[in-house]
Amino acid sequence: MKIPDSAYNVLKWVGLIFLPAVAWFISTIAPVWGIPNAEAIVTTLNALGTLVGVLIGVSTLEYYKNGGAEE
């Protein structure tokens, strides 16, 4: 599975920076604003971040398994 560099960079940013930051933000403001199901929302965002991380990790492993060569 090869992900183009631009998509890889976006997915990496989303999985490692954006989703965890949004999850933290929601968990912080939810009690103040009374956001319903905040725990479920935060858990879902963290699960999505993990999924994205695994997918880009698989792509990276495949890349290095092939000696870093383009297919």
C-alpha atoms as a PDB file:
ATOM      1  CA  MET A   1       0.000   0.000   0.000  1.00  0.00           C
ATOM      2  CA  LYS A   2       1.658   3.218  -1.124  1.00  0.00           C
ATOM      3  CA  ILE A   3       0.387   6.569   0.039  1.00  0.00           C
ATOM      4  CA  PRO A   4       1.496   9.644  -1.943  1.00  0.00           C
ATOM      5  CA  ASP A   5       3.803  11.958   0.017  1.00  0.00           C
ATOM      6  CA  SER A   6       1.270  14.780   0.216  1.00  0.00           C
ATOM      7  CA  ALA A   7      -1.459  12.474   1.560  1.00  0.00           C
ATOM      8  CA  TYR A   8       1.027  10.868   3.978  1.00  0.00           C
ATOM      9  CA  ASN A   9       1.985  14.275   5.385  1.00  0.00           C
ATOM     10  CA  VAL A  10      -1.654  15.298   5.824  1.00  0.00           C
ATOM     11  CA  LEU A  11      -2.595  11.994   7.462  1.00  0.00           C
ATOM     12  CA  LYS A  12       0.432  12.183   9.742  1.00  0.00           C
ATOM     13  CA  TRP A  13      -0.538  15.704  10.834  1.00  0.00           C
ATOM     14  CA  VAL A  14      -4.170  14.684  11.347  1.00  0.00           C
ATOM     15  CA  GLY A  15      -3.295  11.523  13.291  1.00  0.00           C
ATOM     16  CA  LEU A  16      -0.467  12.895  15.414  1.00  0.00           C
ATOM     17  CA  ILE A  17      -1.477  16.523  15.980  1.00  0.00           C
ATOM     18  CA  PHE A  18      -5.030  17.428  14.982  1.00  0.00           C
ATOM     19  CA  LEU A  19      -7.168  14.568  16.355  1.00  0.00           C
ATOM     20  CA  PRO A  20      -5.403  14.366  19.753  1.00  0.00           C
ATOM     21  CA  ALA A  21      -5.605  18.160  20.102  1.00  0.00           C
ATOM     22  CA  VAL A  22      -9.326  18.199  19.300  1.00  0.00           C
ATOM     23  CA  ALA A  23      -9.932  15.300  21.708  1.00  0.00           C
ATOM     24  CA  TRP A  24      -8.096  17.145  24.485  1.00  0.00           C
ATOM     25  CA  PHE A  25      -9.974  20.371  23.715  1.00  0.00           C
ATOM     26  CA  ILE A  26     -13.367  18.659  23.865  1.00  0.00           C
ATOM     27  CA  SER A  27     -12.503  16.826  27.080  1.00  0.00           C
ATOM     28  CA  THR A  28     -11.497  20.162  28.616  1.00  0.00           C
ATOM     29  CA  ILE A  29     -14.496  22.257  27.572  1.00  0.00           C
ATOM     30  CA  ALA A  30     -17.210  19.579  27.719  1.00  0.00           C
ATOM     31  CA  PRO A  31     -17.910  19.916  31.455  1.00  0.00           C
ATOM     32  CA  VAL A  32     -18.101  23.702  31.204  1.00  0.00           C
ATOM     33  CA  TRP A  33     -20.463  23.735  28.232  1.00  0.00           C
ATOM     34  CA  GLY A  34     -22.400  20.616  29.130  1.00  0.00           C
ATOM     35  CA  ILE A  35     -21.585  18.824  25.895  1.00  0.00           C
ATOM     36  CA  PRO A  36     -23.488  15.517  25.935  1.00  0.00           C
ATOM     37  CA  ASN A  37     -21.633  12.243  25.319  1.00  0.00           C
ATOM     38  CA  ALA A  38     -18.267  13.996  25.574  1.00  0.00           C
ATOM     39  CA  GLU A  39     -16.516  10.838  26.727  1.00  0.00           C
ATOM     40  CA  ALA A  40     -17.773   8.943  23.682  1.00  0.00           C
ATOM     41  CA  ILE A  41     -16.693  11.783  21.383  1.00  0.00           C
ATOM     42  CA  VAL A  42     -13.207  11.914  22.891  1.00  0.00           C
ATOM     43  CA  THR A  43     -12.823   8.134  22.733  1.00  0.00           C
ATOM     44  CA  THR A  44     -13.904   8.143  19.080  1.00  0.00           C
ATOM     45  CA  LEU A  45     -11.430  10.906  18.183  1.00  0.00           C
ATOM     46  CA  ASN A  46      -8.608   9.055  19.937  1.00  0.00           C
ATOM     47  CA  ALA A  47      -9.553   5.825  18.150  1.00  0.00           C
ATOM     48  CA  LEU A  48      -9.509   7.646  14.798  1.00  0.00           C
ATOM     49  CA  GLY A  49      -6.081   9.071  15.599  1.00  0.00           C
ATOM     50  CA  THR A  50      -4.826   5.586  16.405  1.00  0.00           C
ATOM     51  CA  LEU A  51      -6.328   4.187  13.195  1.00  0.00           C
ATOM     52  CA  VAL A  52      -4.654   6.875  11.092  1.00  0.00           C
ATOM     53  CA  GLY A  53      -1.356   6.234  12.875  1.00  0.00           C
ATOM     54  CA  VAL A  54      -1.556   2.508  12.182  1.00  0.00           C
ATOM     55  CA  LEU A  55      -2.410   3.054   8.521  1.00  0.00           C
ATOM     56  CA  ILE A  56       0.503   5.417   7.910  1.00  0.00           C
ATOM     57  CA  GLY A  57       2.731   3.095   9.941  1.00  0.00           C
ATOM     58  CA  VAL A  58       1.859   0.178   7.657  1.00  0.00           C
ATOM     59  CA  SER A  59       2.606   2.351   4.644  1.00  0.00           C
ATOM     60  CA  THR A  60       5.966   3.360   6.131  1.00  0.00           C
ATOM     61  CA  LEU A  61       6.892  -0.249   6.915  1.00  0.00           C
ATOM     62  CA  GLU A  62       6.063  -1.306   3.357  1.00  0.00           C
ATOM     63  CA  TYR A  63       8.168   1.553   2.016  1.00  0.00           C
ATOM     64  CA  TYR A  64      11.217   0.537   4.053  1.00  0.00           C
ATOM     65  CA  LYS A  65      10.618  -3.172   3.478  1.00  0.00           C
ATOM     66  CA  ASN A  66      11.060  -2.444  -0.229  1.00  0.00           C
ATOM     67  CA  GLY A  67      14.330  -0.639   0.462  1.00  0.00           C
ATOM     68  CA  GLY A  68      12.737   2.765   0.242  1.00  0.00           C
ATOM     69  CA  ALA A  69      12.275   2.307  -3.482  1.00  0.00           C
ATOM     70  CA  GLU A  70       9.283   3.617  -5.341  1.00  0.00           C
ATOM     71  CA  GLU A  71       7.107   0.923  -6.835  1.00  0.00           C
END
